[in-house]
C-alpha cells in the first residue's frame, strides 16, 4: 500500500498533510504550545530519572540533566508570557524533578549547579 494519499502528486508527496498540520497549529494558542512542550519535557525527564513503572530500565542521568535544564530554561523564558495558573504547577513539577535528580545522583551537584538551577536558583530537599 502506498504512503501517499490519492490527492498527493509524485512531485509533492505529503504536501496536503503538511498544509493541514500548519492550519491546525495556527489555531493553537501560544500558551497551549508552551505548556504542551513543558509537559513533554517533564515526562521525558521523569522517564530518564527512572521514575516510571519500568524504573531503571530507561534511567539515564546525563539525558535527564539535559531535559531538566531545557525545561527550566523554557519556564524561565516563558513565565511572563503564561499565567501563574499555568506556570505554578509547571514550576512545582520542575522542582520535583530537580530534587529527584539530586537524590538519584551518586555524586550530587553543589547547590546551584544542578540541572536548571542556573535559572531557578539552588534547590534544597
PDB file of N, CA and C in Angstrom:
ATOM      1  N   UNK A   1       0.831  -1.171   0.000  1.00  0.00           N
ATOM      2  CA  UNK A   1       0.000   0.000   0.000  1.00  0.00           C
ATOM      3  C   UNK A   1       0.879   1.239   0.000  1.00  0.00           C
ATOM      4  N   UNK A   2       0.510   2.229  -0.730  1.00  0.00           N
ATOM      5  CA  UNK A   2       1.285   3.457  -0.860  1.00  0.00           C
ATOM      6  C   UNK A   2       1.090   4.348   0.354  1.00  0.00           C
ATOM      7  N   UNK A   3       2.160   5.097   0.718  1.00  0.00           N
ATOM      8  CA  UNK A   3       2.072   6.010   1.847  1.00  0.00           C
ATOM      9  C   UNK A   3       1.560   7.384   1.440  1.00  0.00           C
ATOM     10  N   UNK A   4       1.351   7.603   0.160  1.00  0.00           N
ATOM     11  CA  UNK A   4       0.830   8.891  -0.290  1.00  0.00           C
ATOM     12  C   UNK A   4      -0.662   8.779  -0.502  1.00  0.00           C
ATOM     13  N   UNK A   5      -1.357   9.866  -0.280  1.00  0.00           N
ATOM     14  CA  UNK A   5      -2.798   9.866  -0.494  1.00  0.00           C
ATOM     15  C   UNK A   5      -3.071  10.098  -1.972  1.00  0.00           C
ATOM     16  N   UNK A   6      -4.273   9.774  -2.446  1.00  0.00           N
ATOM     17  CA  UNK A   6      -4.585   9.953  -3.858  1.00  0.00           C
ATOM     18  C   UNK A   6      -4.446  11.404  -4.318  1.00  0.00           C
ATOM     19  N   UNK A   7      -4.608  12.367  -3.410  1.00  0.00           N
ATOM     20  CA  UNK A   7      -4.515  13.768  -3.819  1.00  0.00           C
ATOM     21  C   UNK A   7      -3.077  14.257  -3.908  1.00  0.00           C
ATOM     22  N   UNK A   8      -2.111  13.465  -3.406  1.00  0.00           N
ATOM     23  CA  UNK A   8      -0.709  13.859  -3.499  1.00  0.00           C
ATOM     24  C   UNK A   8      -0.204  13.638  -4.917  1.00  0.00           C
ATOM     25  N   UNK A   9       0.614  14.541  -5.364  1.00  0.00           N
ATOM     26  CA  UNK A   9       1.251  14.351  -6.666  1.00  0.00           C
ATOM     27  C   UNK A   9       2.618  13.755  -6.435  1.00  0.00           C
ATOM     28  N   UNK A  10       3.195  13.100  -7.433  1.00  0.00           N
ATOM     29  CA  UNK A  10       4.519  12.499  -7.248  1.00  0.00           C
ATOM     30  C   UNK A  10       5.578  13.543  -6.896  1.00  0.00           C
ATOM     31  N   UNK A  11       5.397  14.781  -7.359  1.00  0.00           N
ATOM     32  CA  UNK A  11       6.393  15.814  -7.104  1.00  0.00           C
ATOM     33  C   UNK A  11       6.326  16.337  -5.671  1.00  0.00           C
ATOM     34  N   UNK A  12       5.160  16.288  -5.049  1.00  0.00           N
ATOM     35  CA  UNK A  12       4.994  16.863  -3.710  1.00  0.00           C
ATOM     36  C   UNK A  12       4.246  15.910  -2.777  1.00  0.00           C
ATOM     37  N   UNK A  13       4.813  14.756  -2.474  1.00  0.00           N
ATOM     38  CA  UNK A  13       4.123  13.833  -1.577  1.00  0.00           C
ATOM     39  C   UNK A  13       3.972  14.439  -0.190  1.00  0.00           C
ATOM     40  N   UNK A  14       2.777  14.282   0.380  1.00  0.00           N
ATOM     41  CA  UNK A  14       2.529  14.746   1.734  1.00  0.00           C
ATOM     42  C   UNK A  14       2.245  16.226   1.875  1.00  0.00           C
ATOM     43  N   UNK A  15       2.219  16.971   0.798  1.00  0.00           N
ATOM     44  CA  UNK A  15       2.002  18.417   0.873  1.00  0.00           C
ATOM     45  C   UNK A  15       0.671  18.742   1.518  1.00  0.00           C
ATOM     46  N   UNK A  16      -0.370  18.005   1.160  1.00  0.00           N
ATOM     47  CA  UNK A  16      -1.683  18.274   1.734  1.00  0.00           C
ATOM     48  C   UNK A  16      -1.696  18.028   3.240  1.00  0.00           C
ATOM     49  N   UNK A  17      -1.003  16.995   3.692  1.00  0.00           N
ATOM     50  CA  UNK A  17      -0.922  16.722   5.122  1.00  0.00           C
ATOM     51  C   UNK A  17      -0.197  17.856   5.843  1.00  0.00           C
ATOM     52  N   UNK A  18       0.883  18.349   5.244  1.00  0.00           N
ATOM     53  CA  UNK A  18       1.645  19.440   5.854  1.00  0.00           C
ATOM     54  C   UNK A  18       0.797  20.698   5.941  1.00  0.00           C
ATOM     55  N   UNK A  19       0.037  20.995   4.899  1.00  0.00           N
ATOM     56  CA  UNK A  19      -0.847  22.159   4.913  1.00  0.00           C
ATOM     57  C   UNK A  19      -1.896  22.039   6.012  1.00  0.00           C
ATOM     58  N   UNK A  20      -2.433  20.855   6.192  1.00  0.00           N
ATOM     59  CA  UNK A  20      -3.439  20.641   7.238  1.00  0.00           C
ATOM     60  C   UNK A  20      -2.822  20.818   8.615  1.00  0.00           C
ATOM     61  N   UNK A  21      -1.599  20.298   8.810  1.00  0.00           N
ATOM     62  CA  UNK A  21      -0.932  20.460  10.094  1.00  0.00           C
ATOM     63  C   UNK A  21      -0.639  21.933  10.366  1.00  0.00           C
ATOM     64  N   UNK A  22      -0.238  22.665   9.341  1.00  0.00           N
ATOM     65  CA  UNK A  22       0.048  24.092   9.505  1.00  0.00           C
ATOM     66  C   UNK A  22      -1.204  24.838   9.924  1.00  0.00           C
ATOM     67  N   UNK A  23      -2.318  24.526   9.307  1.00  0.00           N
ATOM     68  CA  UNK A  23      -3.582  25.165   9.698  1.00  0.00           C
ATOM     69  C   UNK A  23      -3.941  24.798  11.124  1.00  0.00           C
ATOM     70  N   UNK A  24      -3.756  23.539  11.501  1.00  0.00           N
ATOM     71  CA  UNK A  24      -4.090  23.103  12.856  1.00  0.00           C
ATOM     72  C   UNK A  24      -3.251  23.832  13.901  1.00  0.00           C
ATOM     73  N   UNK A  25      -1.956  23.919  13.702  1.00  0.00           N
ATOM     74  CA  UNK A  25      -1.069  24.556  14.679  1.00  0.00           C
ATOM     75  C   UNK A  25      -1.330  26.055  14.743  1.00  0.00           C
ATOM     76  N   UNK A  26      -1.778  26.631  13.649  1.00  0.00           N
ATOM     77  CA  UNK A  26      -2.075  28.062  13.630  1.00  0.00           C
ATOM     78  C   UNK A  26      -3.249  28.403  14.541  1.00  0.00           C
ATOM     79  N   UNK A  27      -4.087  27.443  14.820  1.00  0.00           N
ATOM     80  CA  UNK A  27      -5.268  27.667  15.654  1.00  0.00           C
ATOM     81  C   UNK A  27      -4.990  27.453  17.144  1.00  0.00           C
ATOM     82  N   UNK A  28      -3.811  26.975  17.491  1.00  0.00           N
ATOM     83  CA  UNK A  28      -3.484  26.663  18.882  1.00  0.00           C
ATOM     84  C   UNK A  28      -2.855  27.898  19.538  1.00  0.00           C
ATOM     85  N   UNK A  29      -3.386  28.318  20.693  1.00  0.00           N
ATOM     86  CA  UNK A  29      -2.795  29.466  21.400  1.00  0.00           C
ATOM     87  C   UNK A  29      -1.363  29.160  21.850  1.00  0.00           C
ATOM     88  N   UNK A  30      -0.532  30.184  21.879  1.00  0.00           N
ATOM     89  CA  UNK A  30       0.877  30.028  22.264  1.00  0.00           C
ATOM     90  C   UNK A  30       1.018  29.398  23.650  1.00  0.00           C
ATOM     91  N   UNK A  31       0.171  29.797  24.586  1.00  0.00           N
ATOM     92  CA  UNK A  31       0.244  29.243  25.945  1.00  0.00           C
ATOM     93  C   UNK A  31       0.079  27.730  25.906  1.00  0.00           C
ATOM     94  N   UNK A  32      -0.818  27.262  25.084  1.00  0.00           N
ATOM     95  CA  UNK A  32      -1.054  25.825  24.976  1.00  0.00           C
ATOM     96  C   UNK A  32       0.164  25.107  24.402  1.00  0.00           C
ATOM     97  N   UNK A  33       0.817  25.697  23.434  1.00  0.00           N
ATOM     98  CA  UNK A  33       2.023  25.103  22.850  1.00  0.00           C
ATOM     99  C   UNK A  33       3.128  25.045  23.895  1.00  0.00           C
ATOM    100  N   UNK A  34       3.324  26.147  24.630  1.00  0.00           N
ATOM    101  CA  UNK A  34       4.371  26.198  25.652  1.00  0.00           C
ATOM    102  C   UNK A  34       4.117  25.156  26.739  1.00  0.00           C
ATOM    103  N   UNK A  35       2.887  25.073  27.214  1.00  0.00           N
ATOM    104  CA  UNK A  35       2.553  24.112  28.269  1.00  0.00           C
ATOM    105  C   UNK A  35       2.734  22.678  27.766  1.00  0.00           C
ATOM    106  N   UNK A  36       2.335  22.417  26.540  1.00  0.00           N
ATOM    107  CA  UNK A  36       2.486  21.072  25.978  1.00  0.00           C
ATOM    108  C   UNK A  36       3.954  20.677  25.881  1.00  0.00           C
ATOM    109  N   UNK A  37       4.785  21.580  25.425  1.00  0.00           N
ATOM    110  CA  UNK A  37       6.225  21.301  25.331  1.00  0.00           C
ATOM    111  C   UNK A  37       6.792  21.062  26.733  1.00  0.00           C
ATOM    112  N   UNK A  38       6.383  21.881  27.693  1.00  0.00           N
ATOM    113  CA  UNK A  38       6.874  21.722  29.061  1.00  0.00           C
ATOM    114  C   UNK A  38       6.475  20.363  29.635  1.00  0.00           C
ATOM    115  N   UNK A  39       5.241  19.967  29.421  1.00  0.00           N
ATOM    116  CA  UNK A  39       4.778  18.668  29.923  1.00  0.00           C
ATOM    117  C   UNK A  39       5.539  17.526  29.248  1.00  0.00           C
ATOM    118  N   UNK A  40       5.812  17.663  27.962  1.00  0.00           N
ATOM    119  CA  UNK A  40       6.595  16.633  27.270  1.00  0.00           C
ATOM    120  C   UNK A  40       8.010  16.548  27.834  1.00  0.00           C
ATOM    121  N   UNK A  41       8.625  17.691  28.116  1.00  0.00           N
ATOM    122  CA  UNK A  41       9.958  17.688  28.716  1.00  0.00           C
ATOM    123  C   UNK A  41       9.919  17.058  30.115  1.00  0.00           C
ATOM    124  N   UNK A  42       8.885  17.383  30.874  1.00  0.00           N
ATOM    125  CA  UNK A  42       8.752  16.802  32.215  1.00  0.00           C
ATOM    126  C   UNK A  42       8.594  15.288  32.144  1.00  0.00           C
ATOM    127  N   UNK A  43       7.770  14.822  31.240  1.00  0.00           N
ATOM    128  CA  UNK A  43       7.540  13.381  31.098  1.00  0.00           C
ATOM    129  C   UNK A  43       8.815  12.657  30.682  1.00  0.00           C
ATOM    130  N   UNK A  44       9.520  13.224  29.721  1.00  0.00           N
ATOM    131  CA  UNK A  44      10.764  12.604  29.273  1.00  0.00           C
ATOM    132  C   UNK A  44      11.798  12.592  30.395  1.00  0.00           C
ATOM    133  N   UNK A  45      11.886  13.677  31.158  1.00  0.00           N
ATOM    134  CA  UNK A  45      12.832  13.736  32.268  1.00  0.00           C
ATOM    135  C   UNK A  45      12.485  12.702  33.337  1.00  0.00           C
ATOM    136  N   UNK A  46      11.207  12.529  33.619  1.00  0.00           N
ATOM    137  CA  UNK A  46      10.787  11.533  34.608  1.00  0.00           C
ATOM    138  C   UNK A  46      11.200  10.128  34.182  1.00  0.00           C
ATOM    139  N   UNK A  47      11.049   9.839  32.901  1.00  0.00           N
ATOM    140  CA  UNK A  47      11.469   8.530  32.379  1.00  0.00           C
ATOM    141  C   UNK A  47      12.973   8.366  32.550  1.00  0.00           C
ATOM    142  N   UNK A  48      13.734   9.392  32.166  1.00  0.00           N
ATOM    143  CA  UNK A  48      15.198   9.309  32.244  1.00  0.00           C
ATOM    144  C   UNK A  48      15.709   9.302  33.686  1.00  0.00           C
ATOM    145  N   UNK A  49      14.877   9.759  34.619  1.00  0.00           N
ATOM    146  CA  UNK A  49      15.249   9.696  36.034  1.00  0.00           C
ATOM    147  C   UNK A  49      14.849   8.366  36.677  1.00  0.00           C
ATOM    148  N   UNK A  50      14.179   7.516  35.910  1.00  0.00           N
ATOM    149  CA  UNK A  50      13.764   6.216  36.425  1.00  0.00           C
ATOM    150  C   UNK A  50      12.534   6.290  37.306  1.00  0.00           C
ATOM    151  N   UNK A  51      11.685   7.294  37.100  1.00  0.00           N
ATOM    152  CA  UNK A  51      10.514   7.496  37.951  1.00  0.00           C
ATOM    153  C   UNK A  51       9.249   6.842  37.414  1.00  0.00           C
ATOM    154  N   UNK A  52       9.373   6.012  36.398  1.00  0.00           N
ATOM    155  CA  UNK A  52       8.207   5.347  35.816  1.00  0.00           C
ATOM    156  C   UNK A  52       8.104   3.921  36.332  1.00  0.00           C
ATOM    157  N   UNK A  53       7.073   3.227  35.895  1.00  0.00           N
ATOM    158  CA  UNK A  53       6.878   1.835  36.307  1.00  0.00           C
ATOM    159  C   UNK A  53       8.054   0.949  35.910  1.00  0.00           C
ATOM    160  N   UNK A  54       8.711   1.291  34.803  1.00  0.00           N
ATOM    161  CA  UNK A  54       9.853   0.493  34.345  1.00  0.00           C
ATOM    162  C   UNK A  54      11.096   0.738  35.191  1.00  0.00           C
ATOM    163  N   UNK A  55      11.066   1.773  36.016  1.00  0.00           N
ATOM    164  CA  UNK A  55      12.182   2.056  36.916  1.00  0.00           C
ATOM    165  C   UNK A  55      13.473   2.357  36.190  1.00  0.00           C
ATOM    166  N   UNK A  56      14.492   1.579  36.498  1.00  0.00           N
ATOM    167  CA  UNK A  56      15.838   1.834  35.979  1.00  0.00           C
ATOM    168  C   UNK A  56      16.041   1.421  34.524  1.00  0.00           C
ATOM    169  N   UNK A  57      15.051   0.821  33.911  1.00  0.00           N
ATOM    170  CA  UNK A  57      15.208   0.326  32.539  1.00  0.00           C
ATOM    171  C   UNK A  57      15.655   1.434  31.582  1.00  0.00           C
ATOM    172  N   UNK A  58      15.091   2.636  31.735  1.00  0.00           N
ATOM    173  CA  UNK A  58      15.419   3.748  30.842  1.00  0.00           C
ATOM    174  C   UNK A  58      16.192   4.857  31.548  1.00  0.00           C
ATOM    175  N   UNK A  59      16.658   4.589  32.746  1.00  0.00           N
ATOM    176  CA  UNK A  59      17.338   5.620  33.538  1.00  0.00           C
ATOM    177  C   UNK A  59      18.642   6.041  32.874  1.00  0.00           C
ATOM    178  N   UNK A  60      18.800   7.349  32.732  1.00  0.00           N
ATOM    179  CA  UNK A  60      19.999   7.928  32.124  1.00  0.00           C
ATOM    180  C   UNK A  60      20.121   9.355  32.664  1.00  0.00           C
ATOM    181  N   UNK A  61      20.937   9.532  33.676  1.00  0.00           N
ATOM    182  CA  UNK A  61      21.024  10.825  34.339  1.00  0.00           C
ATOM    183  C   UNK A  61      21.604  11.923  33.449  1.00  0.00           C
ATOM    184  N   UNK A  62      22.467  11.568  32.531  1.00  0.00           N
ATOM    185  CA  UNK A  62      23.003  12.575  31.611  1.00  0.00           C
ATOM    186  C   UNK A  62      21.875  13.142  30.739  1.00  0.00           C
ATOM    187  N   UNK A  63      21.039  12.261  30.236  1.00  0.00           N
ATOM    188  CA  UNK A  63      19.891  12.701  29.428  1.00  0.00           C
ATOM    189  C   UNK A  63      18.885  13.468  30.295  1.00  0.00           C
ATOM    190  N   UNK A  64      18.672  12.994  31.509  1.00  0.00           N
ATOM    191  CA  UNK A  64      17.738  13.670  32.417  1.00  0.00           C
ATOM    192  C   UNK A  64      18.210  15.088  32.717  1.00  0.00           C
ATOM    193  N   UNK A  65      19.510  15.254  32.926  1.00  0.00           N
ATOM    194  CA  UNK A  65      20.074  16.583  33.195  1.00  0.00           C
ATOM    195  C   UNK A  65      19.737  17.545  32.048  1.00  0.00           C
ATOM    196  N   UNK A  66      19.915  17.104  30.827  1.00  0.00           N
ATOM    197  CA  UNK A  66      19.635  17.952  29.669  1.00  0.00           C
ATOM    198  C   UNK A  66      18.157  18.344  29.607  1.00  0.00           C
ATOM    199  N   UNK A  67      17.294  17.387  29.857  1.00  0.00           N
ATOM    200  CA  UNK A  67      15.857  17.642  29.792  1.00  0.00           C
ATOM    201  C   UNK A  67      15.399  18.587  30.891  1.00  0.00           C
ATOM    202  N   UNK A  68      15.888  18.380  32.107  1.00  0.00           N
ATOM    203  CA  UNK A  68      15.515  19.251  33.223  1.00  0.00           C
ATOM    204  C   UNK A  68      16.040  20.665  32.978  1.00  0.00           C
ATOM    205  N   UNK A  69      17.256  20.759  32.483  1.00  0.00           N
ATOM    206  CA  UNK A  69      17.837  22.077  32.184  1.00  0.00           C
ATOM    207  C   UNK A  69      17.022  22.791  31.101  1.00  0.00           C
ATOM    208  N   UNK A  70      16.631  22.078  30.064  1.00  0.00           N
ATOM    209  CA  UNK A  70      15.813  22.669  28.995  1.00  0.00           C
ATOM    210  C   UNK A  70      14.456  23.108  29.531  1.00  0.00           C
ATOM    211  N   UNK A  71      13.856  22.303  30.389  1.00  0.00           N
ATOM    212  CA  UNK A  71      12.574  22.657  30.988  1.00  0.00           C
ATOM    213  C   UNK A  71      12.707  23.933  31.813  1.00  0.00           C
ATOM    214  N   UNK A  72      13.762  24.020  32.623  1.00  0.00           N
ATOM    215  CA  UNK A  72      13.973  25.211  33.448  1.00  0.00           C
ATOM    216  C   UNK A  72      14.158  26.450  32.573  1.00  0.00           C
ATOM    217  N   UNK A  73      14.898  26.306  31.487  1.00  0.00           N
ATOM    218  CA  UNK A  73      15.096  27.438  30.576  1.00  0.00           C
ATOM    219  C   UNK A  73      13.798  27.875  29.926  1.00  0.00           C
ATOM    220  N   UNK A  74      13.002  26.912  29.497  1.00  0.00           N
ATOM    221  CA  UNK A  74      11.713  27.227  28.884  1.00  0.00           C
ATOM    222  C   UNK A  74      10.812  27.947  29.881  1.00  0.00           C
ATOM    223  N   UNK A  75      10.733  27.449  31.098  1.00  0.00           N
ATOM    224  CA  UNK A  75       9.868  28.066  32.098  1.00  0.00           C
ATOM    225  C   UNK A  75      10.374  29.457  32.481  1.00  0.00           C
ATOM    226  N   UNK A  76      11.676  29.604  32.583  1.00  0.00           N
ATOM    227  CA  UNK A  76      12.243  30.907  32.902  1.00  0.00           C
ATOM    228  C   UNK A  76      11.914  31.928  31.807  1.00  0.00           C
ATOM    229  N   UNK A  77      12.051  31.498  30.575  1.00  0.00           N
ATOM    230  CA  UNK A  77      11.809  32.404  29.448  1.00  0.00           C
ATOM    231  C   UNK A  77      10.329  32.712  29.243  1.00  0.00           C
ATOM    232  N   UNK A  78       9.464  31.801  29.633  1.00  0.00           N
ATOM    233  CA  UNK A  78       8.041  31.981  29.325  1.00  0.00           C
ATOM    234  C   UNK A  78       7.180  32.381  30.514  1.00  0.00           C
ATOM    235  N   UNK A  79       7.760  32.508  31.680  1.00  0.00           N
ATOM    236  CA  UNK A  79       6.970  32.805  32.876  1.00  0.00           C
ATOM    237  C   UNK A  79       6.130  34.064  32.713  1.00  0.00           C
ATOM    238  N   UNK A  80       6.675  35.095  32.112  1.00  0.00           N
ATOM    239  CA  UNK A  80       5.906  36.327  31.938  1.00  0.00           C
ATOM    240  C   UNK A  80       4.885  36.219  30.817  1.00  0.00           C
ATOM    241  N   UNK A  81       4.999  35.191  30.009  1.00  0.00           N
ATOM    242  CA  UNK A  81       4.096  35.025  28.872  1.00  0.00           C
ATOM    243  C   UNK A  81       2.893  34.141  29.189  1.00  0.00           C
ATOM    244  N   UNK A  82       3.040  33.289  30.199  1.00  0.00           N
ATOM    245  CA  UNK A  82       1.923  32.415  30.570  1.00  0.00           C
ATOM    246  C   UNK A  82       1.447  32.817  31.957  1.00  0.00           C
ATOM    247  N   UNK A  83       0.210  32.582  32.253  1.00  0.00           N
ATOM    248  CA  UNK A  83      -0.353  32.988  33.549  1.00  0.00           C
ATOM    249  C   UNK A  83       0.205  32.125  34.667  1.00  0.00           C
ATOM    250  N   UNK A  84       0.078  32.619  35.889  1.00  0.00           N
ATOM    251  CA  UNK A  84       0.529  31.831  37.036  1.00  0.00           C
ATOM    252  C   UNK A  84      -0.303  30.560  37.175  1.00  0.00           C
ATOM    253  N   UNK A  85      -1.519  30.589  36.631  1.00  0.00           N
ATOM    254  CA  UNK A  85      -2.366  29.396  36.614  1.00  0.00           C
ATOM    255  C   UNK A  85      -1.641  28.241  35.925  1.00  0.00           C
ATOM    256  N   UNK A  86      -0.931  28.541  34.836  1.00  0.00           N
ATOM    257  CA  UNK A  86      -0.177  27.523  34.111  1.00  0.00           C
ATOM    258  C   UNK A  86       1.238  27.368  34.669  1.00  0.00           C
ATOM    259  N   UNK A  87       1.860  28.468  35.063  1.00  0.00           N
ATOM    260  CA  UNK A  87       3.266  28.435  35.457  1.00  0.00           C
ATOM    261  C   UNK A  87       3.488  27.747  36.801  1.00  0.00           C
ATOM    262  N   UNK A  88       2.612  27.963  37.763  1.00  0.00           N
ATOM    263  CA  UNK A  88       2.829  27.426  39.118  1.00  0.00           C
ATOM    264  C   UNK A  88       2.962  25.904  39.144  1.00  0.00           C
ATOM    265  N   UNK A  89       2.040  25.147  38.532  1.00  0.00           N
ATOM    266  CA  UNK A  89       2.213  23.688  38.570  1.00  0.00           C
ATOM    267  C   UNK A  89       3.431  23.212  37.787  1.00  0.00           C
ATOM    268  N   UNK A  90       3.792  23.941  36.740  1.00  0.00           N
ATOM    269  CA  UNK A  90       4.984  23.565  35.977  1.00  0.00           C
ATOM    270  C   UNK A  90       6.244  23.792  36.813  1.00  0.00           C
ATOM    271  N   UNK A  91       6.285  24.899  37.552  1.00  0.00           N
ATOM    272  CA  UNK A  91       7.433  25.156  38.434  1.00  0.00           C
ATOM    273  C   UNK A  91       7.515  24.102  39.541  1.00  0.00           C
ATOM    274  N   UNK A  92       6.363  23.698  40.066  1.00  0.00           N
ATOM    275  CA  UNK A  92       6.348  22.643  41.094  1.00  0.00           C
ATOM    276  C   UNK A  92       6.890  21.337  40.523  1.00  0.00           C
ATOM    277  N   UNK A  93       6.463  21.008  39.311  1.00  0.00           N
ATOM    278  CA  UNK A  93       6.951  19.793  38.658  1.00  0.00           C
ATOM    279  C   UNK A  93       8.443  19.857  38.408  1.00  0.00           C
ATOM    280  N   UNK A  94       8.922  21.023  37.988  1.00  0.00           N
ATOM    281  CA  UNK A  94      10.354  21.206  37.758  1.00  0.00           C
ATOM    282  C   UNK A  94      11.132  20.987  39.048  1.00  0.00           C
ATOM    283  N   UNK A  95      10.659  21.581  40.133  1.00  0.00           N
ATOM    284  CA  UNK A  95      11.359  21.418  41.423  1.00  0.00           C
ATOM    285  C   UNK A  95      11.385  19.947  41.839  1.00  0.00           C
ATOM    286  N   UNK A  96      10.292  19.245  41.626  1.00  0.00           N
ATOM    287  CA  UNK A  96      10.244  17.820  41.958  1.00  0.00           C
ATOM    288  C   UNK A  96      11.265  17.038  41.147  1.00  0.00           C
ATOM    289  N   UNK A  97      11.393  17.361  39.870  1.00  0.00           N
ATOM    290  CA  UNK A  97      12.379  16.690  39.021  1.00  0.00           C
ATOM    291  C   UNK A  97      13.800  17.033  39.466  1.00  0.00           C
ATOM    292  N   UNK A  98      14.026  18.281  39.835  1.00  0.00           N
ATOM    293  CA  UNK A  98      15.357  18.676  40.301  1.00  0.00           C
ATOM    294  C   UNK A  98      15.722  17.925  41.588  1.00  0.00           C
ATOM    295  N   UNK A  99      14.764  17.798  42.481  1.00  0.00           N
ATOM    296  CA  UNK A  99      15.013  17.054  43.717  1.00  0.00           C
ATOM    297  C   UNK A  99      15.239  15.574  43.433  1.00  0.00           C
ATOM    298  N   UNK A 100      14.471  15.011  42.515  1.00  0.00           N
ATOM    299  CA  UNK A 100      14.653  13.600  42.140  1.00  0.00           C
ATOM    300  C   UNK A 100      16.027  13.386  41.517  1.00  0.00           C
ATOM    301  N   UNK A 101      16.471  14.343  40.725  1.00  0.00           N
ATOM    302  CA  UNK A 101      17.805  14.243  40.128  1.00  0.00           C
ATOM    303  C   UNK A 101      18.859  14.257  41.225  1.00  0.00           C
ATOM    304  N   UNK A 102      18.712  15.151  42.177  1.00  0.00           N
ATOM    305  CA  UNK A 102      19.680  15.255  43.270  1.00  0.00           C
ATOM    306  C   UNK A 102      19.736  13.939  44.055  1.00  0.00           C
ATOM    307  N   UNK A 103      18.577  13.335  44.311  1.00  0.00           N
ATOM    308  CA  UNK A 103      18.524  12.060  45.040  1.00  0.00           C
ATOM    309  C   UNK A 103      19.119  10.913  44.236  1.00  0.00           C
ATOM    310  N   UNK A 104      18.941  10.935  42.913  1.00  0.00           N
ATOM    311  CA  UNK A 104      19.418   9.843  42.068  1.00  0.00           C
ATOM    312  C   UNK A 104      20.923   9.918  41.798  1.00  0.00           C
ATOM    313  N   UNK A 105      21.496  11.093  41.976  1.00  0.00           N
ATOM    314  CA  UNK A 105      22.920  11.277  41.670  1.00  0.00           C
ATOM    315  C   UNK A 105      23.799  10.642  42.730  1.00  0.00           C
ATOM    316  N   UNK A 106      24.774   9.888  42.286  1.00  0.00           N
ATOM    317  CA  UNK A 106      25.729   9.275  43.209  1.00  0.00           C
ATOM    318  C   UNK A 106      26.610  10.362  43.821  1.00  0.00           C
ATOM    319  N   UNK A 107      27.048  11.291  42.981  1.00  0.00           N
ATOM    320  CA  UNK A 107      27.830  12.433  43.439  1.00  0.00           C
ATOM    321  C   UNK A 107      26.985  13.676  43.177  1.00  0.00           C
ATOM    322  N   UNK A 108      26.282  14.157  44.202  1.00  0.00           N
ATOM    323  CA  UNK A 108      25.381  15.298  43.985  1.00  0.00           C
ATOM    324  C   UNK A 108      26.123  16.561  43.569  1.00  0.00           C
ATOM    325  N   UNK A 109      25.447  17.366  42.771  1.00  0.00           N
ATOM    326  CA  UNK A 109      25.985  18.662  42.368  1.00  0.00           C
ATOM    327  C   UNK A 109      26.005  19.600  43.567  1.00  0.00           C
ATOM    328  N   UNK A 110      26.904  20.567  43.521  1.00  0.00           N
ATOM    329  CA  UNK A 110      26.903  21.629  44.526  1.00  0.00           C
ATOM    330  C   UNK A 110      25.606  22.410  44.407  1.00  0.00           C
ATOM    331  N   UNK A 111      25.100  22.961  45.492  1.00  0.00           N
ATOM    332  CA  UNK A 111      23.893  23.796  45.395  1.00  0.00           C
ATOM    333  C   UNK A 111      24.070  24.899  44.351  1.00  0.00           C
ATOM    334  N   UNK A 112      23.083  25.007  43.495  1.00  0.00           N
ATOM    335  CA  UNK A 112      23.128  25.993  42.419  1.00  0.00           C
ATOM    336  C   UNK A 112      23.750  25.471  41.136  1.00  0.00           C
ATOM    337  N   UNK A 113      24.315  24.260  41.173  1.00  0.00           N
ATOM    338  CA  UNK A 113      24.977  23.691  39.998  1.00  0.00           C
ATOM    339  C   UNK A 113      24.197  22.543  39.368  1.00  0.00           C
ATOM    340  N   UNK A 114      23.071  22.171  39.956  1.00  0.00           N
ATOM    341  CA  UNK A 114      22.257  21.076  39.438  1.00  0.00           C
ATOM    342  C   UNK A 114      21.535  21.492  38.157  1.00  0.00           C
ATOM    343  N   UNK A 115      20.877  20.548  37.516  1.00  0.00           N
ATOM    344  CA  UNK A 115      20.193  20.865  36.265  1.00  0.00           C
ATOM    345  C   UNK A 115      19.107  21.915  36.458  1.00  0.00           C
ATOM    346  N   UNK A 116      19.187  22.962  35.670  1.00  0.00           N
ATOM    347  CA  UNK A 116      18.188  24.018  35.706  1.00  0.00           C
ATOM    348  C   UNK A 116      18.371  25.029  36.812  1.00  0.00           C
ATOM    349  N   UNK A 117      19.283  24.778  37.746  1.00  0.00           N
ATOM    350  CA  UNK A 117      19.453  25.692  38.861  1.00  0.00           C
ATOM    351  C   UNK A 117      20.059  27.021  38.437  1.00  0.00           C
ATOM    352  N   UNK A 118      20.618  27.068  37.262  1.00  0.00           N
ATOM    353  CA  UNK A 118      21.083  28.332  36.685  1.00  0.00           C
ATOM    354  C   UNK A 118      19.898  29.292  36.554  1.00  0.00           C
ATOM    355  N   UNK A 119      18.721  28.733  36.307  1.00  0.00           N
ATOM    356  CA  UNK A 119      17.513  29.530  36.110  1.00  0.00           C
ATOM    357  C   UNK A 119      16.667  29.652  37.379  1.00  0.00           C
ATOM    358  N   UNK A 120      16.680  28.620  38.216  1.00  0.00           N
ATOM    359  CA  UNK A 120      15.774  28.592  39.369  1.00  0.00           C
ATOM    360  C   UNK A 120      16.460  28.972  40.677  1.00  0.00           C
ATOM    361  N   UNK A 121      17.771  28.937  40.692  1.00  0.00           N
ATOM    362  CA  UNK A 121      18.491  29.077  41.947  1.00  0.00           C
ATOM    363  C   UNK A 121      18.630  27.707  42.578  1.00  0.00           C
ATOM    364  N   UNK A 122      19.367  27.615  43.667  1.00  0.00           N
ATOM    365  CA  UNK A 122      19.598  26.318  44.322  1.00  0.00           C
ATOM    366  C   UNK A 122      18.302  25.666  44.782  1.00  0.00           C
ATOM    367  N   UNK A 123      18.251  24.359  44.663  1.00  0.00           N
ATOM    368  CA  UNK A 123      17.090  23.586  45.097  1.00  0.00           C
ATOM    369  C   UNK A 123      17.548  22.684  46.241  1.00  0.00           C
ATOM    370  N   UNK A 124      16.842  22.803  47.357  1.00  0.00           N
ATOM    371  CA  UNK A 124      17.190  22.016  48.542  1.00  0.00           C
ATOM    372  C   UNK A 124      16.033  21.074  48.861  1.00  0.00           C
ATOM    373  N   UNK A 125      16.380  19.887  49.351  1.00  0.00           N
ATOM    374  CA  UNK A 125      15.376  18.898  49.696  1.00  0.00           C
ATOM    375  C   UNK A 125      14.812  19.165  50.990  1.00  0.00           C
TER     376      UNK A 125
END
